[in-house]
Amino acid sequence: MERFTADLLFIIIVLLIAAILGFLIGYFWKGKTKTIEKEVGNTPKNEVNRFAEERQALEKENKSLKEELFQLKTAKEAPQTQMSAAPKFIASDAKAVLGKKIIENDLKIIEGIGPKIEELLKNNKISTWGQLADANTDDVKTLLKQGGSKYSMHNPTTWAEQAKMAFEGRWEELKSYQDYLDGGKSPSKK
């Protein structure tokens, strides 16, 4: 019986030492892990958030640069027509042909341009018939796309030609051309 008691006591002591060692190792390991987490932070989430913020900032900057490039291209091209000798605008001639009062450089007389598109163009430094006549059609399409879906559905392929006719005071030609057009588009290119 003594031997059994001694063996039992030995087993209890060994288990007790193992439990204490396990507790100490767990305590220090857990403490070390918390320290590391505090030092590093929750890195994966922080990295993802940081990259998302950087991406948004870059997309915003890209959009801004595209708009600036468009404005610079338009500004570079616009003076060409304004400097050339254009006939003096005679409102009565325009009214006689088009049948309504026309204000000089009113972009809404261009078939396909309404008040909202005129505002979009003017906000991007296309405010005269001459500037619209000189504007690159692809740049105008880009501008419309940047304006959103309600603008991007419009097709500006005939706008420069119409604006040139208005700029040069060719009202009869403009009227015939607009009668031929369908919603500002050439019927053959619909």
C-alpha atoms as a PDB file:
ATOM      1  CA  MET A   1       0.000   0.000   0.000  1.00  0.00           C
ATOM      2  CA  GLU A   2       2.917   2.278   0.693  1.00  0.00           C
ATOM      3  CA  ARG A   3       4.199   1.799  -2.757  1.00  0.00           C
ATOM      4  CA  PHE A   4       0.760   2.629  -4.219  1.00  0.00           C
ATOM      5  CA  THR A   5       0.560   5.828  -2.143  1.00  0.00           C
ATOM      6  CA  ALA A   6       4.082   6.844  -3.160  1.00  0.00           C
ATOM      7  CA  ASP A   7       3.339   6.230  -6.827  1.00  0.00           C
ATOM      8  CA  LEU A   8       0.049   8.121  -6.571  1.00  0.00           C
ATOM      9  CA  LEU A   9       1.767  11.038  -4.853  1.00  0.00           C
ATOM     10  CA  PHE A  10       4.477  11.027  -7.554  1.00  0.00           C
ATOM     11  CA  ILE A  11       1.842  11.087 -10.332  1.00  0.00           C
ATOM     12  CA  ILE A  12      -0.059  13.934  -8.641  1.00  0.00           C
ATOM     13  CA  ILE A  13       3.137  15.985  -8.243  1.00  0.00           C
ATOM     14  CA  VAL A  14       4.120  15.411 -11.899  1.00  0.00           C
ATOM     15  CA  LEU A  15       0.643  16.415 -13.081  1.00  0.00           C
ATOM     16  CA  LEU A  16       0.672  19.473 -10.830  1.00  0.00           C
ATOM     17  CA  ILE A  17       4.081  20.563 -12.206  1.00  0.00           C
ATOM     18  CA  ALA A  18       2.855  19.982 -15.780  1.00  0.00           C
ATOM     19  CA  ALA A  19      -0.271  22.054 -15.094  1.00  0.00           C
ATOM     20  CA  ILE A  20       1.762  24.908 -13.609  1.00  0.00           C
ATOM     21  CA  LEU A  21       4.211  24.853 -16.536  1.00  0.00           C
ATOM     22  CA  GLY A  22       1.316  24.800 -19.020  1.00  0.00           C
ATOM     23  CA  PHE A  23      -0.308  27.740 -17.274  1.00  0.00           C
ATOM     24  CA  LEU A  24       2.942  29.751 -17.230  1.00  0.00           C
ATOM     25  CA  ILE A  25       3.739  28.999 -20.869  1.00  0.00           C
ATOM     26  CA  GLY A  26       0.182  29.927 -21.914  1.00  0.00           C
ATOM     27  CA  TYR A  27       0.214  33.113 -19.854  1.00  0.00           C
ATOM     28  CA  PHE A  28       3.501  34.360 -21.281  1.00  0.00           C
ATOM     29  CA  TRP A  29       2.692  33.242 -24.847  1.00  0.00           C
ATOM     30  CA  LYS A  30      -0.676  35.018 -24.758  1.00  0.00           C
ATOM     31  CA  GLY A  31       0.916  38.165 -23.346  1.00  0.00           C
ATOM     32  CA  LYS A  32       3.566  38.114 -26.058  1.00  0.00           C
ATOM     33  CA  THR A  33       0.909  37.708 -28.768  1.00  0.00           C
ATOM     34  CA  LYS A  34      -1.059  40.688 -27.449  1.00  0.00           C
ATOM     35  CA  THR A  35       2.120  42.782 -27.433  1.00  0.00           C
ATOM     36  CA  ILE A  36       2.873  41.847 -31.041  1.00  0.00           C
ATOM     37  CA  GLU A  37      -0.721  42.686 -32.094  1.00  0.00           C
ATOM     38  CA  LYS A  38      -0.454  46.070 -30.401  1.00  0.00           C
ATOM     39  CA  GLU A  39       2.855  46.815 -32.132  1.00  0.00           C
ATOM     40  CA  VAL A  40       1.750  45.717 -35.594  1.00  0.00           C
ATOM     41  CA  GLY A  41      -1.921  46.581 -35.346  1.00  0.00           C
ATOM     42  CA  ASN A  42      -4.453  44.658 -37.313  1.00  0.00           C
ATOM     43  CA  THR A  43      -2.218  44.834 -40.385  1.00  0.00           C
ATOM     44  CA  PRO A  44      -4.326  43.109 -43.040  1.00  0.00           C
ATOM     45  CA  LYS A  45      -7.383  45.323 -42.406  1.00  0.00           C
ATOM     46  CA  ASN A  46      -5.252  48.459 -42.153  1.00  0.00           C
ATOM     47  CA  GLU A  47      -3.466  47.619 -45.397  1.00  0.00           C
ATOM     48  CA  VAL A  48      -6.713  46.970 -47.268  1.00  0.00           C
ATOM     49  CA  ASN A  49      -8.221  50.218 -45.995  1.00  0.00           C
ATOM     50  CA  ARG A  50      -5.097  52.167 -46.871  1.00  0.00           C
ATOM     51  CA  PHE A  51      -5.012  50.728 -50.401  1.00  0.00           C
ATOM     52  CA  ALA A  52      -8.730  51.444 -50.884  1.00  0.00           C
ATOM     53  CA  GLU A  53      -8.219  55.058 -49.806  1.00  0.00           C
ATOM     54  CA  GLU A  54      -5.196  55.422 -52.102  1.00  0.00           C
ATOM     55  CA  ARG A  55      -7.184  53.970 -55.017  1.00  0.00           C
ATOM     56  CA  GLN A  56     -10.061  56.404 -54.462  1.00  0.00           C
ATOM     57  CA  ALA A  57      -7.633  59.316 -54.288  1.00  0.00           C
ATOM     58  CA  LEU A  58      -5.924  58.192 -57.513  1.00  0.00           C
ATOM     59  CA  GLU A  59      -9.256  57.751 -59.329  1.00  0.00           C
ATOM     60  CA  LYS A  60     -10.328  61.232 -58.247  1.00  0.00           C
ATOM     61  CA  GLU A  61      -7.008  62.695 -59.388  1.00  0.00           C
ATOM     62  CA  ASN A  62      -7.268  60.808 -62.701  1.00  0.00           C
ATOM     63  CA  LYS A  63     -10.747  62.214 -63.364  1.00  0.00           C
ATOM     64  CA  SER A  64      -9.550  65.700 -62.489  1.00  0.00           C
ATOM     65  CA  LEU A  65      -6.553  65.376 -64.818  1.00  0.00           C
ATOM     66  CA  LYS A  66      -8.758  64.114 -67.676  1.00  0.00           C
ATOM     67  CA  GLU A  67     -11.040  67.132 -67.261  1.00  0.00           C
ATOM     68  CA  GLU A  68      -8.053  69.473 -67.138  1.00  0.00           C
ATOM     69  CA  LEU A  69      -6.563  67.870 -70.266  1.00  0.00           C
ATOM     70  CA  PHE A  70      -9.861  68.263 -72.097  1.00  0.00           C
ATOM     71  CA  GLN A  71     -10.086  71.907 -71.075  1.00  0.00           C
ATOM     72  CA  LEU A  72      -6.504  72.538 -72.203  1.00  0.00           C
ATOM     73  CA  LYS A  73      -7.121  70.863 -75.564  1.00  0.00           C
ATOM     74  CA  THR A  74     -10.312  72.860 -76.043  1.00  0.00           C
ATOM     75  CA  ALA A  75      -8.656  76.119 -74.995  1.00  0.00           C
ATOM     76  CA  LYS A  76      -5.750  75.439 -77.359  1.00  0.00           C
ATOM     77  CA  GLU A  77      -8.045  74.765 -80.301  1.00  0.00           C
ATOM     78  CA  ALA A  78     -10.675  77.424 -79.588  1.00  0.00           C
ATOM     79  CA  PRO A  79      -8.720  80.586 -80.411  1.00  0.00           C
ATOM     80  CA  GLN A  80      -8.168  79.448 -84.009  1.00  0.00           C
ATOM     81  CA  THR A  81     -11.763  80.179 -85.040  1.00  0.00           C
ATOM     82  CA  GLN A  82     -12.217  83.210 -82.834  1.00  0.00           C
ATOM     83  CA  MET A  83      -9.192  84.891 -84.411  1.00  0.00           C
ATOM     84  CA  SER A  84     -10.315  84.196 -87.952  1.00  0.00           C
ATOM     85  CA  ALA A  85     -12.532  86.795 -89.520  1.00  0.00           C
ATOM     86  CA  ALA A  86     -16.106  85.735 -89.021  1.00  0.00           C
ATOM     87  CA  PRO A  87     -19.009  87.549 -90.568  1.00  0.00           C
ATOM     88  CA  LYS A  88     -20.780  89.874 -88.206  1.00  0.00           C
ATOM     89  CA  PHE A  89     -23.707  88.170 -86.499  1.00  0.00           C
ATOM     90  CA  ILE A  90     -26.994  89.543 -87.816  1.00  0.00           C
ATOM     91  CA  ALA A  91     -29.864  88.295 -85.686  1.00  0.00           C
ATOM     92  CA  SER A  92     -32.526  89.313 -88.233  1.00  0.00           C
ATOM     93  CA  ASP A  93     -30.931  87.120 -90.948  1.00  0.00           C
ATOM     94  CA  ALA A  94     -30.903  84.117 -88.585  1.00  0.00           C
ATOM     95  CA  LYS A  95     -34.513  84.741 -87.543  1.00  0.00           C
ATOM     96  CA  ALA A  96     -35.666  85.098 -91.139  1.00  0.00           C
ATOM     97  CA  VAL A  97     -34.297  81.651 -92.038  1.00  0.00           C
ATOM     98  CA  LEU A  98     -34.797  79.702 -88.807  1.00  0.00           C
ATOM     99  CA  GLY A  99     -38.110  81.317 -87.920  1.00  0.00           C
ATOM    100  CA  LYS A 100     -37.197  82.225 -84.340  1.00  0.00           C
ATOM    101  CA  LYS A 101     -35.118  84.767 -82.491  1.00  0.00           C
ATOM    102  CA  ILE A 102     -31.508  83.648 -82.319  1.00  0.00           C
ATOM    103  CA  ILE A 103     -29.012  84.910 -79.769  1.00  0.00           C
ATOM    104  CA  GLU A 104     -25.375  84.921 -80.822  1.00  0.00           C
ATOM    105  CA  ASN A 105     -23.483  81.826 -79.635  1.00  0.00           C
ATOM    106  CA  ASP A 106     -26.628  80.116 -78.343  1.00  0.00           C
ATOM    107  CA  LEU A 107     -25.478  76.506 -78.479  1.00  0.00           C
ATOM    108  CA  LYS A 108     -29.062  75.258 -78.189  1.00  0.00           C
ATOM    109  CA  ILE A 109     -29.673  76.077 -81.862  1.00  0.00           C
ATOM    110  CA  ILE A 110     -27.422  73.109 -82.646  1.00  0.00           C
ATOM    111  CA  GLU A 111     -29.693  70.121 -83.155  1.00  0.00           C
ATOM    112  CA  GLY A 112     -28.965  67.621 -80.381  1.00  0.00           C
ATOM    113  CA  ILE A 113     -27.959  70.240 -77.780  1.00  0.00           C
ATOM    114  CA  GLY A 114     -30.420  71.231 -75.084  1.00  0.00           C
ATOM    115  CA  PRO A 115     -30.054  73.432 -71.997  1.00  0.00           C
ATOM    116  CA  LYS A 116     -28.268  70.784 -69.884  1.00  0.00           C
ATOM    117  CA  ILE A 117     -25.698  69.902 -72.551  1.00  0.00           C
ATOM    118  CA  GLU A 118     -25.161  73.603 -73.270  1.00  0.00           C
ATOM    119  CA  GLU A 119     -24.452  74.114 -69.562  1.00  0.00           C
ATOM    120  CA  LEU A 120     -22.043  71.144 -69.530  1.00  0.00           C
ATOM    121  CA  LEU A 121     -20.199  72.514 -72.578  1.00  0.00           C
ATOM    122  CA  LYS A 122     -20.001  76.034 -71.165  1.00  0.00           C
ATOM    123  CA  ASN A 123     -18.684  74.703 -67.846  1.00  0.00           C
ATOM    124  CA  ASN A 124     -15.888  73.135 -69.897  1.00  0.00           C
ATOM    125  CA  LYS A 125     -15.014  76.281 -71.843  1.00  0.00           C
ATOM    126  CA  ILE A 126     -17.013  75.588 -74.999  1.00  0.00           C
ATOM    127  CA  SER A 127     -19.317  78.577 -74.975  1.00  0.00           C
ATOM    128  CA  THR A 128     -19.329  79.836 -78.563  1.00  0.00           C
ATOM    129  CA  TRP A 129     -20.185  78.429 -81.966  1.00  0.00           C
ATOM    130  CA  GLY A 130     -16.547  78.906 -82.985  1.00  0.00           C
ATOM    131  CA  GLN A 131     -15.239  76.926 -80.008  1.00  0.00           C
ATOM    132  CA  LEU A 132     -17.699  74.118 -80.680  1.00  0.00           C
ATOM    133  CA  ALA A 133     -16.793  74.127 -84.380  1.00  0.00           C
ATOM    134  CA  ASP A 134     -13.113  73.722 -83.450  1.00  0.00           C
ATOM    135  CA  ALA A 135     -13.670  71.165 -80.662  1.00  0.00           C
ATOM    136  CA  ASN A 136     -12.505  67.632 -81.338  1.00  0.00           C
ATOM    137  CA  THR A 137     -15.548  65.335 -81.552  1.00  0.00           C
ATOM    138  CA  ASP A 138     -13.823  62.610 -79.496  1.00  0.00           C
ATOM    139  CA  ASP A 139     -13.077  65.145 -76.766  1.00  0.00           C
ATOM    140  CA  VAL A 140     -16.732  66.228 -76.736  1.00  0.00           C
ATOM    141  CA  LYS A 141     -17.767  62.550 -76.497  1.00  0.00           C
ATOM    142  CA  THR A 142     -15.388  62.123 -73.540  1.00  0.00           C
ATOM    143  CA  LEU A 143     -16.880  65.186 -71.896  1.00  0.00           C
ATOM    144  CA  LEU A 144     -20.387  63.781 -72.359  1.00  0.00           C
ATOM    145  CA  LYS A 145     -19.315  60.442 -70.847  1.00  0.00           C
ATOM    146  CA  GLN A 146     -17.832  62.234 -67.865  1.00  0.00           C
ATOM    147  CA  GLY A 147     -21.156  64.037 -67.430  1.00  0.00           C
ATOM    148  CA  GLY A 148     -22.940  60.720 -66.836  1.00  0.00           C
ATOM    149  CA  SER A 149     -25.394  58.456 -68.585  1.00  0.00           C
ATOM    150  CA  LYS A 150     -27.937  61.179 -69.350  1.00  0.00           C
ATOM    151  CA  TYR A 151     -25.256  62.944 -71.435  1.00  0.00           C
ATOM    152  CA  SER A 152     -23.270  60.024 -72.849  1.00  0.00           C
ATOM    153  CA  MET A 153     -26.266  58.788 -74.847  1.00  0.00           C
ATOM    154  CA  HIS A 154     -25.963  61.849 -77.143  1.00  0.00           C
ATOM    155  CA  ASN A 155     -23.964  61.738 -80.354  1.00  0.00           C
ATOM    156  CA  PRO A 156     -22.003  64.944 -81.103  1.00  0.00           C
ATOM    157  CA  THR A 157     -20.712  63.945 -84.551  1.00  0.00           C
ATOM    158  CA  THR A 158     -22.680  66.670 -86.394  1.00  0.00           C
ATOM    159  CA  TRP A 159     -22.359  69.427 -83.804  1.00  0.00           C
ATOM    160  CA  ALA A 160     -19.070  70.886 -85.092  1.00  0.00           C
ATOM    161  CA  GLU A 161     -20.415  71.185 -88.639  1.00  0.00           C
ATOM    162  CA  GLN A 162     -23.642  72.829 -87.445  1.00  0.00           C
ATOM    163  CA  ALA A 163     -21.675  75.192 -85.185  1.00  0.00           C
ATOM    164  CA  LYS A 164     -19.378  76.132 -88.074  1.00  0.00           C
ATOM    165  CA  MET A 165     -22.369  77.036 -90.237  1.00  0.00           C
ATOM    166  CA  ALA A 166     -23.836  79.160 -87.435  1.00  0.00           C
ATOM    167  CA  PHE A 167     -20.459  80.785 -86.751  1.00  0.00           C
ATOM    168  CA  GLU A 168     -20.074  81.698 -90.417  1.00  0.00           C
ATOM    169  CA  GLY A 169     -23.700  82.922 -90.701  1.00  0.00           C
ATOM    170  CA  ARG A 170     -24.658  80.250 -93.253  1.00  0.00           C
ATOM    171  CA  TRP A 171     -28.251  80.060 -92.007  1.00  0.00           C
ATOM    172  CA  GLU A 172     -29.855  78.549 -95.145  1.00  0.00           C
ATOM    173  CA  GLU A 173     -27.288  75.755 -95.164  1.00  0.00           C
ATOM    174  CA  LEU A 174     -27.739  75.178 -91.428  1.00  0.00           C
ATOM    175  CA  LYS A 175     -31.529  74.974 -91.814  1.00  0.00           C
ATOM    176  CA  SER A 176     -31.268  72.471 -94.699  1.00  0.00           C
ATOM    177  CA  TYR A 177     -28.747  70.385 -92.795  1.00  0.00           C
ATOM    178  CA  GLN A 178     -30.879  70.346 -89.644  1.00  0.00           C
ATOM    179  CA  ASP A 179     -33.957  69.387 -91.680  1.00  0.00           C
ATOM    180  CA  TYR A 180     -31.927  66.442 -92.983  1.00  0.00           C
ATOM    181  CA  LEU A 181     -30.720  65.407 -89.510  1.00  0.00           C
ATOM    182  CA  ASP A 182     -32.720  63.213 -87.177  1.00  0.00           C
ATOM    183  CA  GLY A 183     -32.242  64.261 -83.554  1.00  0.00           C
ATOM    184  CA  GLY A 184     -28.851  65.761 -84.325  1.00  0.00           C
ATOM    185  CA  LYS A 185     -27.656  62.579 -86.066  1.00  0.00           C
ATOM    186  CA  SER A 186     -27.195  61.836 -89.706  1.00  0.00           C
ATOM    187  CA  PRO A 187     -30.011  59.433 -90.718  1.00  0.00           C
ATOM    188  CA  SER A 188     -27.468  57.164 -92.420  1.00  0.00           C
ATOM    189  CA  LYS A 189     -25.318  56.930 -89.234  1.00  0.00           C
ATOM    190  CA  LYS A 190     -28.093  56.093 -86.750  1.00  0.00           C
END
